[in-house]
Amino acid sequence: VGYSRAVKAGNLIEVSGTTAVLDGVVQCKGDLYGQTLRCLEIIEQALISTGSSMSDVIRTRIYVTDISRWEEAAKAHAQYFKDVRPATTMVEVSKLIAPEYLVEIEATAVKD
């Protein structure tokens, strides 16, 4: 598609929308909690590759295809950010790029 998973500009790191895909295969089909954890694992690896970490995240944006299941995504998010507490937004979208995707997450970090 011609994009980067993460881009660092000065002390700002932007992580692209991330879904629960590994080697082209959707992980945790039907499991919003599991997909959210997988997204966050991928985001964490992207941040590490820029010399940053999850503790540097200041904002997340969570896109879910069924907002009635928000607590599943929130539980996974809380596992990663119980101490960091970034600003966050969760919204329902009509669909993501493939019907198996239940969640997509973006993150912004600042590395001092």
PDB file of N, CA and C in Angstrom:
ATOM      1  N   VAL A   1       0.832  -1.195   0.000  1.00  0.00           N
ATOM      2  CA  VAL A   1       0.000   0.000   0.000  1.00  0.00           C
ATOM      3  C   VAL A   1       0.872   1.253   0.000  1.00  0.00           C
ATOM      4  N   GLY A   2       2.128   1.109   0.392  1.00  0.00           N
ATOM      5  CA  GLY A   2       3.021   2.265   0.403  1.00  0.00           C
ATOM      6  C   GLY A   2       2.892   3.097   1.663  1.00  0.00           C
ATOM      7  N   TYR A   3       3.070   2.482   2.818  1.00  0.00           N
ATOM      8  CA  TYR A   3       3.013   3.214   4.083  1.00  0.00           C
ATOM      9  C   TYR A   3       4.030   2.629   5.046  1.00  0.00           C
ATOM     10  N   SER A   4       4.245   3.350   6.135  1.00  0.00           N
ATOM     11  CA  SER A   4       5.132   2.872   7.194  1.00  0.00           C
ATOM     12  C   SER A   4       4.291   2.520   8.411  1.00  0.00           C
ATOM     13  N   ARG A   5       4.683   1.480   9.123  1.00  0.00           N
ATOM     14  CA  ARG A   5       3.982   1.120  10.361  1.00  0.00           C
ATOM     15  C   ARG A   5       4.109   2.238  11.379  1.00  0.00           C
ATOM     16  N   ALA A   6       5.322   2.826  11.448  1.00  0.00           N
ATOM     17  CA  ALA A   6       5.554   3.929  12.379  1.00  0.00           C
ATOM     18  C   ALA A   6       6.490   4.932  11.723  1.00  0.00           C
ATOM     19  N   VAL A   7       6.222   6.198  12.009  1.00  0.00           N
ATOM     20  CA  VAL A   7       7.059   7.281  11.501  1.00  0.00           C
ATOM     21  C   VAL A   7       7.480   8.133  12.692  1.00  0.00           C
ATOM     22  N   LYS A   8       8.791   8.397  12.752  1.00  0.00           N
ATOM     23  CA  LYS A   8       9.322   9.248  13.812  1.00  0.00           C
ATOM     24  C   LYS A   8       9.727  10.575  13.202  1.00  0.00           C
ATOM     25  N   ALA A   9       9.247  11.658  13.788  1.00  0.00           N
ATOM     26  CA  ALA A   9       9.596  13.017  13.365  1.00  0.00           C
ATOM     27  C   ALA A   9       9.996  13.783  14.613  1.00  0.00           C
ATOM     28  N   GLY A  10      11.292  13.981  14.798  1.00  0.00           N
ATOM     29  CA  GLY A  10      11.767  14.586  16.041  1.00  0.00           C
ATOM     30  C   GLY A  10      11.453  13.649  17.188  1.00  0.00           C
ATOM     31  N   ASN A  11      10.746  14.155  18.192  1.00  0.00           N
ATOM     32  CA  ASN A  11      10.411  13.307  19.329  1.00  0.00           C
ATOM     33  C   ASN A  11       8.996  12.723  19.228  1.00  0.00           C
ATOM     34  N   LEU A  12       8.318  12.928  18.096  1.00  0.00           N
ATOM     35  CA  LEU A  12       6.962  12.437  17.875  1.00  0.00           C
ATOM     36  C   LEU A  12       6.997  11.150  17.051  1.00  0.00           C
ATOM     37  N   ILE A  13       6.247  10.156  17.494  1.00  0.00           N
ATOM     38  CA  ILE A  13       6.120   8.897  16.757  1.00  0.00           C
ATOM     39  C   ILE A  13       4.646   8.664  16.493  1.00  0.00           C
ATOM     40  N   GLU A  14       4.303   8.465  15.220  1.00  0.00           N
ATOM     41  CA  GLU A  14       2.934   8.140  14.829  1.00  0.00           C
ATOM     42  C   GLU A  14       2.912   6.702  14.337  1.00  0.00           C
ATOM     43  N   VAL A  15       2.027   5.895  14.912  1.00  0.00           N
ATOM     44  CA  VAL A  15       1.881   4.510  14.482  1.00  0.00           C
ATOM     45  C   VAL A  15       0.590   4.405  13.674  1.00  0.00           C
ATOM     46  N   SER A  16       0.728   3.869  12.470  1.00  0.00           N
ATOM     47  CA  SER A  16      -0.399   3.721  11.552  1.00  0.00           C
ATOM     48  C   SER A  16      -1.484   2.828  12.125  1.00  0.00           C
ATOM     49  N   GLY A  17      -2.668   2.925  11.530  1.00  0.00           N
ATOM     50  CA  GLY A  17      -3.759   2.035  11.891  1.00  0.00           C
ATOM     51  C   GLY A  17      -3.278   0.595  11.830  1.00  0.00           C
ATOM     52  N   THR A  18      -3.500  -0.152  12.905  1.00  0.00           N
ATOM     53  CA  THR A  18      -2.951  -1.492  13.068  1.00  0.00           C
ATOM     54  C   THR A  18      -4.074  -2.479  13.337  1.00  0.00           C
ATOM     55  N   THR A  19      -4.101  -3.554  12.552  1.00  0.00           N
ATOM     56  CA  THR A  19      -5.076  -4.618  12.746  1.00  0.00           C
ATOM     57  C   THR A  19      -4.357  -5.872  13.220  1.00  0.00           C
ATOM     58  N   ALA A  20      -5.126  -6.871  13.588  1.00  0.00           N
ATOM     59  CA  ALA A  20      -4.579  -8.113  14.148  1.00  0.00           C
ATOM     60  C   ALA A  20      -4.218  -9.094  13.039  1.00  0.00           C
ATOM     61  N   VAL A  21      -3.198  -8.753  12.264  1.00  0.00           N
ATOM     62  CA  VAL A  21      -2.790  -9.590  11.143  1.00  0.00           C
ATOM     63  C   VAL A  21      -1.335 -10.009  11.326  1.00  0.00           C
ATOM     64  N   LEU A  22      -1.067 -11.279  11.103  1.00  0.00           N
ATOM     65  CA  LEU A  22       0.293 -11.808  11.173  1.00  0.00           C
ATOM     66  C   LEU A  22       0.553 -12.578   9.891  1.00  0.00           C
ATOM     67  N   ASP A  23       1.544 -12.135   9.139  1.00  0.00           N
ATOM     68  CA  ASP A  23       1.892 -12.768   7.867  1.00  0.00           C
ATOM     69  C   ASP A  23       0.672 -12.912   6.955  1.00  0.00           C
ATOM     70  N   GLY A  24      -0.163 -11.869   6.918  1.00  0.00           N
ATOM     71  CA  GLY A  24      -1.332 -11.856   6.044  1.00  0.00           C
ATOM     72  C   GLY A  24      -2.536 -12.623   6.542  1.00  0.00           C
ATOM     73  N   VAL A  25      -2.443 -13.194   7.745  1.00  0.00           N
ATOM     74  CA  VAL A  25      -3.537 -13.992   8.303  1.00  0.00           C
ATOM     75  C   VAL A  25      -4.139 -13.265   9.498  1.00  0.00           C
ATOM     76  N   VAL A  26      -5.466 -13.092   9.487  1.00  0.00           N
ATOM     77  CA  VAL A  26      -6.157 -12.452  10.603  1.00  0.00           C
ATOM     78  C   VAL A  26      -6.066 -13.353  11.829  1.00  0.00           C
ATOM     79  N   GLN A  27      -5.640 -12.778  12.937  1.00  0.00           N
ATOM     80  CA  GLN A  27      -5.506 -13.499  14.199  1.00  0.00           C
ATOM     81  C   GLN A  27      -6.778 -13.340  15.030  1.00  0.00           C
ATOM     82  N   CYS A  28      -7.076 -14.310  15.841  1.00  0.00           N
ATOM     83  CA  CYS A  28      -8.165 -14.236  16.823  1.00  0.00           C
ATOM     84  C   CYS A  28      -9.517 -13.910  16.165  1.00  0.00           C
ATOM     85  N   LYS A  29      -9.851 -14.611  15.113  1.00  0.00           N
ATOM     86  CA  LYS A  29     -11.112 -14.357  14.400  1.00  0.00           C
ATOM     87  C   LYS A  29     -12.293 -14.417  15.357  1.00  0.00           C
ATOM     88  N   GLY A  30     -13.137 -13.402  15.296  1.00  0.00           N
ATOM     89  CA  GLY A  30     -14.326 -13.334  16.127  1.00  0.00           C
ATOM     90  C   GLY A  30     -14.087 -12.883  17.551  1.00  0.00           C
ATOM     91  N   ASP A  31     -12.837 -12.683  17.940  1.00  0.00           N
ATOM     92  CA  ASP A  31     -12.465 -12.363  19.322  1.00  0.00           C
ATOM     93  C   ASP A  31     -11.948 -10.920  19.399  1.00  0.00           C
ATOM     94  N   LEU A  32     -12.815  -9.993  19.763  1.00  0.00           N
ATOM     95  CA  LEU A  32     -12.430  -8.580  19.823  1.00  0.00           C
ATOM     96  C   LEU A  32     -11.328  -8.340  20.846  1.00  0.00           C
ATOM     97  N   TYR A  33     -11.428  -8.957  22.009  1.00  0.00           N
ATOM     98  CA  TYR A  33     -10.392  -8.823  23.034  1.00  0.00           C
ATOM     99  C   TYR A  33      -9.042  -9.313  22.494  1.00  0.00           C
ATOM    100  N   GLY A  34      -9.020 -10.492  21.906  1.00  0.00           N
ATOM    101  CA  GLY A  34      -7.787 -11.050  21.362  1.00  0.00           C
ATOM    102  C   GLY A  34      -7.214 -10.206  20.235  1.00  0.00           C
ATOM    103  N   GLN A  35      -8.072  -9.725  19.349  1.00  0.00           N
ATOM    104  CA  GLN A  35      -7.590  -8.881  18.259  1.00  0.00           C
ATOM    105  C   GLN A  35      -7.009  -7.572  18.794  1.00  0.00           C
ATOM    106  N   THR A  36      -7.631  -7.020  19.815  1.00  0.00           N
ATOM    107  CA  THR A  36      -7.126  -5.772  20.403  1.00  0.00           C
ATOM    108  C   THR A  36      -5.744  -6.006  21.015  1.00  0.00           C
ATOM    109  N   LEU A  37      -5.583  -7.093  21.738  1.00  0.00           N
ATOM    110  CA  LEU A  37      -4.259  -7.415  22.288  1.00  0.00           C
ATOM    111  C   LEU A  37      -3.230  -7.552  21.174  1.00  0.00           C
ATOM    112  N   ARG A  38      -3.588  -8.236  20.090  1.00  0.00           N
ATOM    113  CA  ARG A  38      -2.653  -8.434  18.980  1.00  0.00           C
ATOM    114  C   ARG A  38      -2.278  -7.103  18.353  1.00  0.00           C
ATOM    115  N   CYS A  39      -3.253  -6.215  18.165  1.00  0.00           N
ATOM    116  CA  CYS A  39      -2.961  -4.873  17.636  1.00  0.00           C
ATOM    117  C   CYS A  39      -1.953  -4.160  18.523  1.00  0.00           C
ATOM    118  N   LEU A  40      -2.170  -4.219  19.814  1.00  0.00           N
ATOM    119  CA  LEU A  40      -1.283  -3.532  20.753  1.00  0.00           C
ATOM    120  C   LEU A  40       0.111  -4.157  20.783  1.00  0.00           C
ATOM    121  N   GLU A  41       0.200  -5.460  20.602  1.00  0.00           N
ATOM    122  CA  GLU A  41       1.509  -6.110  20.509  1.00  0.00           C
ATOM    123  C   GLU A  41       2.277  -5.597  19.281  1.00  0.00           C
ATOM    124  N   ILE A  42       1.583  -5.483  18.163  1.00  0.00           N
ATOM    125  CA  ILE A  42       2.210  -4.981  16.934  1.00  0.00           C
ATOM    126  C   ILE A  42       2.635  -3.526  17.111  1.00  0.00           C
ATOM    127  N   ILE A  43       1.781  -2.727  17.742  1.00  0.00           N
ATOM    128  CA  ILE A  43       2.116  -1.321  18.013  1.00  0.00           C
ATOM    129  C   ILE A  43       3.340  -1.242  18.917  1.00  0.00           C
ATOM    130  N   GLU A  44       3.377  -2.081  19.936  1.00  0.00           N
ATOM    131  CA  GLU A  44       4.529  -2.080  20.845  1.00  0.00           C
ATOM    132  C   GLU A  44       5.822  -2.378  20.085  1.00  0.00           C
ATOM    133  N   GLN A  45       5.803  -3.373  19.207  1.00  0.00           N
ATOM    134  CA  GLN A  45       6.993  -3.701  18.420  1.00  0.00           C
ATOM    135  C   GLN A  45       7.396  -2.541  17.506  1.00  0.00           C
ATOM    136  N   ALA A  46       6.413  -1.856  16.929  1.00  0.00           N
ATOM    137  CA  ALA A  46       6.714  -0.694  16.076  1.00  0.00           C
ATOM    138  C   ALA A  46       7.376   0.411  16.896  1.00  0.00           C
ATOM    139  N   LEU A  47       6.875   0.644  18.093  1.00  0.00           N
ATOM    140  CA  LEU A  47       7.462   1.673  18.951  1.00  0.00           C
ATOM    141  C   LEU A  47       8.887   1.308  19.351  1.00  0.00           C
ATOM    142  N   ILE A  48       9.095   0.056  19.705  1.00  0.00           N
ATOM    143  CA  ILE A  48      10.442  -0.399  20.067  1.00  0.00           C
ATOM    144  C   ILE A  48      11.407  -0.172  18.907  1.00  0.00           C
ATOM    145  N   SER A  49      10.939  -0.392  17.690  1.00  0.00           N
ATOM    146  CA  SER A  49      11.809  -0.209  16.514  1.00  0.00           C
ATOM    147  C   SER A  49      12.219   1.248  16.310  1.00  0.00           C
ATOM    148  N   THR A  50      11.486   2.177  16.931  1.00  0.00           N
ATOM    149  CA  THR A  50      11.831   3.600  16.837  1.00  0.00           C
ATOM    150  C   THR A  50      12.593   4.089  18.062  1.00  0.00           C
ATOM    151  N   GLY A  51      12.907   3.165  18.991  1.00  0.00           N
ATOM    152  CA  GLY A  51      13.588   3.557  20.223  1.00  0.00           C
ATOM    153  C   GLY A  51      12.638   4.066  21.283  1.00  0.00           C
ATOM    154  N   SER A  52      11.377   3.777  21.123  1.00  0.00           N
ATOM    155  CA  SER A  52      10.340   4.235  22.037  1.00  0.00           C
ATOM    156  C   SER A  52       9.718   3.027  22.730  1.00  0.00           C
ATOM    157  N   SER A  53       8.656   3.262  23.487  1.00  0.00           N
ATOM    158  CA  SER A  53       7.949   2.170  24.147  1.00  0.00           C
ATOM    159  C   SER A  53       6.504   2.581  24.415  1.00  0.00           C
ATOM    160  N   MET A  54       5.737   1.640  24.901  1.00  0.00           N
ATOM    161  CA  MET A  54       4.330   1.926  25.214  1.00  0.00           C
ATOM    162  C   MET A  54       4.210   3.005  26.287  1.00  0.00           C
ATOM    163  N   SER A  55       5.198   3.148  27.135  1.00  0.00           N
ATOM    164  CA  SER A  55       5.129   4.173  28.178  1.00  0.00           C
ATOM    165  C   SER A  55       5.232   5.584  27.599  1.00  0.00           C
ATOM    166  N   ASP A  56       5.614   5.705  26.333  1.00  0.00           N
ATOM    167  CA  ASP A  56       5.701   7.005  25.676  1.00  0.00           C
ATOM    168  C   ASP A  56       4.417   7.384  24.931  1.00  0.00           C
ATOM    169  N   VAL A  57       3.427   6.487  24.910  1.00  0.00           N
ATOM    170  CA  VAL A  57       2.187   6.741  24.179  1.00  0.00           C
ATOM    171  C   VAL A  57       1.367   7.807  24.895  1.00  0.00           C
ATOM    172  N   ILE A  58       0.954   8.808  24.128  1.00  0.00           N
ATOM    173  CA  ILE A  58       0.127   9.881  24.692  1.00  0.00           C
ATOM    174  C   ILE A  58      -1.312   9.839  24.176  1.00  0.00           C
ATOM    175  N   ARG A  59      -1.558   9.100  23.072  1.00  0.00           N
ATOM    176  CA  ARG A  59      -2.904   9.028  22.513  1.00  0.00           C
ATOM    177  C   ARG A  59      -3.084   7.745  21.736  1.00  0.00           C
ATOM    178  N   THR A  60      -4.277   7.160  21.867  1.00  0.00           N
ATOM    179  CA  THR A  60      -4.675   6.037  21.024  1.00  0.00           C
ATOM    180  C   THR A  60      -6.034   6.340  20.414  1.00  0.00           C
ATOM    181  N   ARG A  61      -6.254   5.750  19.245  1.00  0.00           N
ATOM    182  CA  ARG A  61      -7.550   5.846  18.578  1.00  0.00           C
ATOM    183  C   ARG A  61      -7.962   4.425  18.242  1.00  0.00           C
ATOM    184  N   ILE A  62      -9.123   4.025  18.737  1.00  0.00           N
ATOM    185  CA  ILE A  62      -9.586   2.651  18.583  1.00  0.00           C
ATOM    186  C   ILE A  62     -10.849   2.662  17.729  1.00  0.00           C
ATOM    187  N   TYR A  63     -10.805   1.935  16.626  1.00  0.00           N
ATOM    188  CA  TYR A  63     -11.944   1.833  15.722  1.00  0.00           C
ATOM    189  C   TYR A  63     -12.482   0.406  15.816  1.00  0.00           C
ATOM    190  N   VAL A  64     -13.734   0.256  16.230  1.00  0.00           N
ATOM    191  CA  VAL A  64     -14.347  -1.067  16.363  1.00  0.00           C
ATOM    192  C   VAL A  64     -15.554  -1.158  15.433  1.00  0.00           C
ATOM    193  N   THR A  65     -15.846  -2.373  14.999  1.00  0.00           N
ATOM    194  CA  THR A  65     -16.985  -2.553  14.102  1.00  0.00           C
ATOM    195  C   THR A  65     -18.291  -2.823  14.849  1.00  0.00           C
ATOM    196  N   ASP A  66     -18.208  -3.028  16.161  1.00  0.00           N
ATOM    197  CA  ASP A  66     -19.408  -3.243  16.975  1.00  0.00           C
ATOM    198  C   ASP A  66     -19.185  -2.613  18.347  1.00  0.00           C
ATOM    199  N   ILE A  67     -19.678  -1.394  18.506  1.00  0.00           N
ATOM    200  CA  ILE A  67     -19.439  -0.630  19.739  1.00  0.00           C
ATOM    201  C   ILE A  67     -20.100  -1.289  20.955  1.00  0.00           C
ATOM    202  N   SER A  68     -21.086  -2.155  20.737  1.00  0.00           N
ATOM    203  CA  SER A  68     -21.718  -2.826  21.877  1.00  0.00           C
ATOM    204  C   SER A  68     -20.729  -3.768  22.587  1.00  0.00           C
ATOM    205  N   ARG A  69     -19.607  -4.072  21.923  1.00  0.00           N
ATOM    206  CA  ARG A  69     -18.576  -4.925  22.508  1.00  0.00           C
ATOM    207  C   ARG A  69     -17.385  -4.106  23.027  1.00  0.00           C
ATOM    208  N   TRP A  70     -17.581  -2.828  23.269  1.00  0.00           N
ATOM    209  CA  TRP A  70     -16.497  -1.915  23.635  1.00  0.00           C
ATOM    210  C   TRP A  70     -15.704  -2.390  24.854  1.00  0.00           C
ATOM    211  N   GLU A  71     -16.368  -3.048  25.786  1.00  0.00           N
ATOM    212  CA  GLU A  71     -15.671  -3.464  27.009  1.00  0.00           C
ATOM    213  C   GLU A  71     -14.557  -4.475  26.727  1.00  0.00           C
ATOM    214  N   GLU A  72     -14.700  -5.287  25.687  1.00  0.00           N
ATOM    215  CA  GLU A  72     -13.655  -6.249  25.333  1.00  0.00           C
ATOM    216  C   GLU A  72     -12.388  -5.519  24.883  1.00  0.00           C
ATOM    217  N   ALA A  73     -12.568  -4.516  24.036  1.00  0.00           N
ATOM    218  CA  ALA A  73     -11.423  -3.723  23.574  1.00  0.00           C
ATOM    219  C   ALA A  73     -10.835  -2.915  24.733  1.00  0.00           C
ATOM    220  N   ALA A  74     -11.701  -2.355  25.566  1.00  0.00           N
ATOM    221  CA  ALA A  74     -11.241  -1.545  26.697  1.00  0.00           C
ATOM    222  C   ALA A  74     -10.426  -2.385  27.685  1.00  0.00           C
ATOM    223  N   LYS A  75     -10.826  -3.632  27.899  1.00  0.00           N
ATOM    224  CA  LYS A  75     -10.098  -4.512  28.821  1.00  0.00           C
ATOM    225  C   LYS A  75      -8.669  -4.754  28.318  1.00  0.00           C
ATOM    226  N   ALA A  76      -8.527  -5.026  27.027  1.00  0.00           N
ATOM    227  CA  ALA A  76      -7.198  -5.252  26.459  1.00  0.00           C
ATOM    228  C   ALA A  76      -6.368  -3.970  26.510  1.00  0.00           C
ATOM    229  N   HIS A  77      -6.986  -2.845  26.179  1.00  0.00           N
ATOM    230  CA  HIS A  77      -6.296  -1.547  26.211  1.00  0.00           C
ATOM    231  C   HIS A  77      -5.788  -1.264  27.622  1.00  0.00           C
ATOM    232  N   ALA A  78      -6.627  -1.529  28.609  1.00  0.00           N
ATOM    233  CA  ALA A  78      -6.258  -1.279  30.005  1.00  0.00           C
ATOM    234  C   ALA A  78      -5.072  -2.132  30.445  1.00  0.00           C
ATOM    235  N   GLN A  79      -4.934  -3.331  29.901  1.00  0.00           N
ATOM    236  CA  GLN A  79      -3.792  -4.183  30.242  1.00  0.00           C
ATOM    237  C   GLN A  79      -2.480  -3.533  29.826  1.00  0.00           C
ATOM    238  N   TYR A  80      -2.468  -2.877  28.696  1.00  0.00           N
ATOM    239  CA  TYR A  80      -1.252  -2.225  28.204  1.00  0.00           C
ATOM    240  C   TYR A  80      -1.038  -0.853  28.825  1.00  0.00           C
ATOM    241  N   PHE A  81      -2.115  -0.188  29.203  1.00  0.00           N
ATOM    242  CA  PHE A  81      -2.003   1.206  29.623  1.00  0.00           C
ATOM    243  C   PHE A  81      -2.526   1.462  31.030  1.00  0.00           C
ATOM    244  N   LYS A  82      -2.382   0.487  31.920  1.00  0.00           N
ATOM    245  CA  LYS A  82      -2.893   0.677  33.280  1.00  0.00           C
ATOM    246  C   LYS A  82      -2.159   1.795  34.017  1.00  0.00           C
ATOM    247  N   ASP A  83      -0.884   2.017  33.681  1.00  0.00           N
ATOM    248  CA  ASP A  83      -0.115   3.074  34.334  1.00  0.00           C
ATOM    249  C   ASP A  83       0.078   4.305  33.459  1.00  0.00           C
ATOM    250  N   VAL A  84       0.107   4.110  32.151  1.00  0.00           N
ATOM    251  CA  VAL A  84       0.407   5.208  31.221  1.00  0.00           C
ATOM    252  C   VAL A  84      -0.776   6.151  31.062  1.00  0.00           C
ATOM    253  N   ARG A  85      -1.963   5.623  30.866  1.00  0.00           N
ATOM    254  CA  ARG A  85      -3.214   6.379  30.759  1.00  0.00           C
ATOM    255  C   ARG A  85      -3.201   7.432  29.646  1.00  0.00           C
ATOM    256  N   PRO A  86      -3.006   7.021  28.377  1.00  0.00           N
ATOM    257  CA  PRO A  86      -3.023   7.996  27.291  1.00  0.00           C
ATOM    258  C   PRO A  86      -4.439   8.512  27.049  1.00  0.00           C
ATOM    259  N   ALA A  87      -4.532   9.661  26.403  1.00  0.00           N
ATOM    260  CA  ALA A  87      -5.831  10.111  25.913  1.00  0.00           C
ATOM    261  C   ALA A  87      -6.269   9.083  24.879  1.00  0.00           C
ATOM    262  N   THR A  88      -7.553   8.789  24.801  1.00  0.00           N
ATOM    263  CA  THR A  88      -8.004   7.788  23.836  1.00  0.00           C
ATOM    264  C   THR A  88      -9.377   8.115  23.295  1.00  0.00           C
ATOM    265  N   THR A  89      -9.648   7.584  22.142  1.00  0.00           N
ATOM    266  CA  THR A  89     -10.949   7.697  21.503  1.00  0.00           C
ATOM    267  C   THR A  89     -11.323   6.311  21.009  1.00  0.00           C
ATOM    268  N   MET A  90     -12.574   5.917  21.223  1.00  0.00           N
ATOM    269  CA  MET A  90     -13.077   4.675  20.648  1.00  0.00           C
ATOM    270  C   MET A  90     -14.350   5.016  19.895  1.00  0.00           C
ATOM    271  N   VAL A  91     -14.377   4.633  18.632  1.00  0.00           N
ATOM    272  CA  VAL A  91     -15.558   4.893  17.815  1.00  0.00           C
ATOM    273  C   VAL A  91     -15.936   3.636  17.037  1.00  0.00           C
ATOM    274  N   GLU A  92     -17.207   3.552  16.699  1.00  0.00           N
ATOM    275  CA  GLU A  92     -17.671   2.466  15.846  1.00  0.00           C
ATOM    276  C   GLU A  92     -17.592   2.911  14.392  1.00  0.00           C
ATOM    277  N   VAL A  93     -17.106   2.006  13.554  1.00  0.00           N
ATOM    278  CA  VAL A  93     -17.060   2.245  12.115  1.00  0.00           C
ATOM    279  C   VAL A  93     -17.921   1.185  11.441  1.00  0.00           C
ATOM    280  N   SER A  94     -18.420   1.492  10.255  1.00  0.00           N
ATOM    281  CA  SER A  94     -19.300   0.539   9.585  1.00  0.00           C
ATOM    282  C   SER A  94     -18.560  -0.717   9.149  1.00  0.00           C
ATOM    283  N   LYS A  95     -17.292  -0.568   8.775  1.00  0.00           N
ATOM    284  CA  LYS A  95     -16.479  -1.734   8.448  1.00  0.00           C
ATOM    285  C   LYS A  95     -15.033  -1.315   8.322  1.00  0.00           C
ATOM    286  N   LEU A  96     -14.165  -2.314   8.425  1.00  0.00           N
ATOM    287  CA  LEU A  96     -12.743  -2.117   8.199  1.00  0.00           C
ATOM    288  C   LEU A  96     -12.395  -2.776   6.869  1.00  0.00           C
ATOM    289  N   ILE A  97     -11.123  -2.860   6.524  1.00  0.00           N
ATOM    290  CA  ILE A  97     -10.719  -3.301   5.193  1.00  0.00           C
ATOM    291  C   ILE A  97     -11.145  -4.738   4.855  1.00  0.00           C
ATOM    292  N   ALA A  98     -11.293  -5.585   5.866  1.00  0.00           N
ATOM    293  CA  ALA A  98     -11.772  -6.954   5.668  1.00  0.00           C
ATOM    294  C   ALA A  98     -12.798  -7.270   6.751  1.00  0.00           C
ATOM    295  N   PRO A  99     -13.811  -8.055   6.442  1.00  0.00           N
ATOM    296  CA  PRO A  99     -14.871  -8.315   7.428  1.00  0.00           C
ATOM    297  C   PRO A  99     -14.400  -9.033   8.684  1.00  0.00           C
ATOM    298  N   GLU A 100     -13.256  -9.741   8.617  1.00  0.00           N
ATOM    299  CA  GLU A 100     -12.733 -10.433   9.800  1.00  0.00           C
ATOM    300  C   GLU A 100     -12.103  -9.480  10.810  1.00  0.00           C
ATOM    301  N   TYR A 101     -11.770  -8.269  10.373  1.00  0.00           N
ATOM    302  CA  TYR A 101     -11.155  -7.289  11.268  1.00  0.00           C
ATOM    303  C   TYR A 101     -12.232  -6.679  12.154  1.00  0.00           C
ATOM    304  N   LEU A 102     -12.063  -6.803  13.447  1.00  0.00           N
ATOM    305  CA  LEU A 102     -13.015  -6.246  14.408  1.00  0.00           C
ATOM    306  C   LEU A 102     -12.544  -4.932  14.997  1.00  0.00           C
ATOM    307  N   VAL A 103     -11.236  -4.669  14.905  1.00  0.00           N
ATOM    308  CA  VAL A 103     -10.656  -3.484  15.543  1.00  0.00           C
ATOM    309  C   VAL A 103      -9.417  -3.035  14.769  1.00  0.00           C
ATOM    310  N   GLU A 104      -9.214  -1.736  14.772  1.00  0.00           N
ATOM    311  CA  GLU A 104      -7.985  -1.136  14.235  1.00  0.00           C
ATOM    312  C   GLU A 104      -7.579  -0.035  15.200  1.00  0.00           C
ATOM    313  N   ILE A 105      -6.286   0.052  15.486  1.00  0.00           N
ATOM    314  CA  ILE A 105      -5.805   1.010  16.488  1.00  0.00           C
ATOM    315  C   ILE A 105      -4.665   1.834  15.918  1.00  0.00           C
ATOM    316  N   GLU A 106      -4.683   3.136  16.189  1.00  0.00           N
ATOM    317  CA  GLU A 106      -3.592   4.060  15.891  1.00  0.00           C
ATOM    318  C   GLU A 106      -3.028   4.538  17.221  1.00  0.00           C
ATOM    319  N   ALA A 107      -1.753   4.924  17.210  1.00  0.00           N
ATOM    320  CA  ALA A 107      -1.146   5.433  18.446  1.00  0.00           C
ATOM    321  C   ALA A 107      -0.198   6.573  18.123  1.00  0.00           C
ATOM    322  N   THR A 108      -0.103   7.496  19.068  1.00  0.00           N
ATOM    323  CA  THR A 108       0.847   8.604  19.003  1.00  0.00           C
ATOM    324  C   THR A 108       1.687   8.541  20.267  1.00  0.00           C
ATOM    325  N   ALA A 109       3.013   8.644  20.092  1.00  0.00           N
ATOM    326  CA  ALA A 109       3.927   8.630  21.228  1.00  0.00           C
ATOM    327  C   ALA A 109       4.864   9.813  21.139  1.00  0.00           C
ATOM    328  N   VAL A 110       5.376  10.223  22.278  1.00  0.00           N
ATOM    329  CA  VAL A 110       6.388  11.270  22.353  1.00  0.00           C
ATOM    330  C   VAL A 110       7.542  10.712  23.168  1.00  0.00           C
ATOM    331  N   LYS A 111       8.718  10.709  22.552  1.00  0.00           N
ATOM    332  CA  LYS A 111       9.925  10.220  23.235  1.00  0.00           C
ATOM    333  C   LYS A 111      10.792  11.417  23.559  1.00  0.00           C
ATOM    334  N   ASP A 112      10.928  11.689  24.867  1.00  0.00           N
ATOM    335  CA  ASP A 112      11.737  12.831  25.301  1.00  0.00           C
ATOM    336  C   ASP A 112      13.205  12.583  25.118  1.00  0.00           C
TER     337      ASP A 112
END
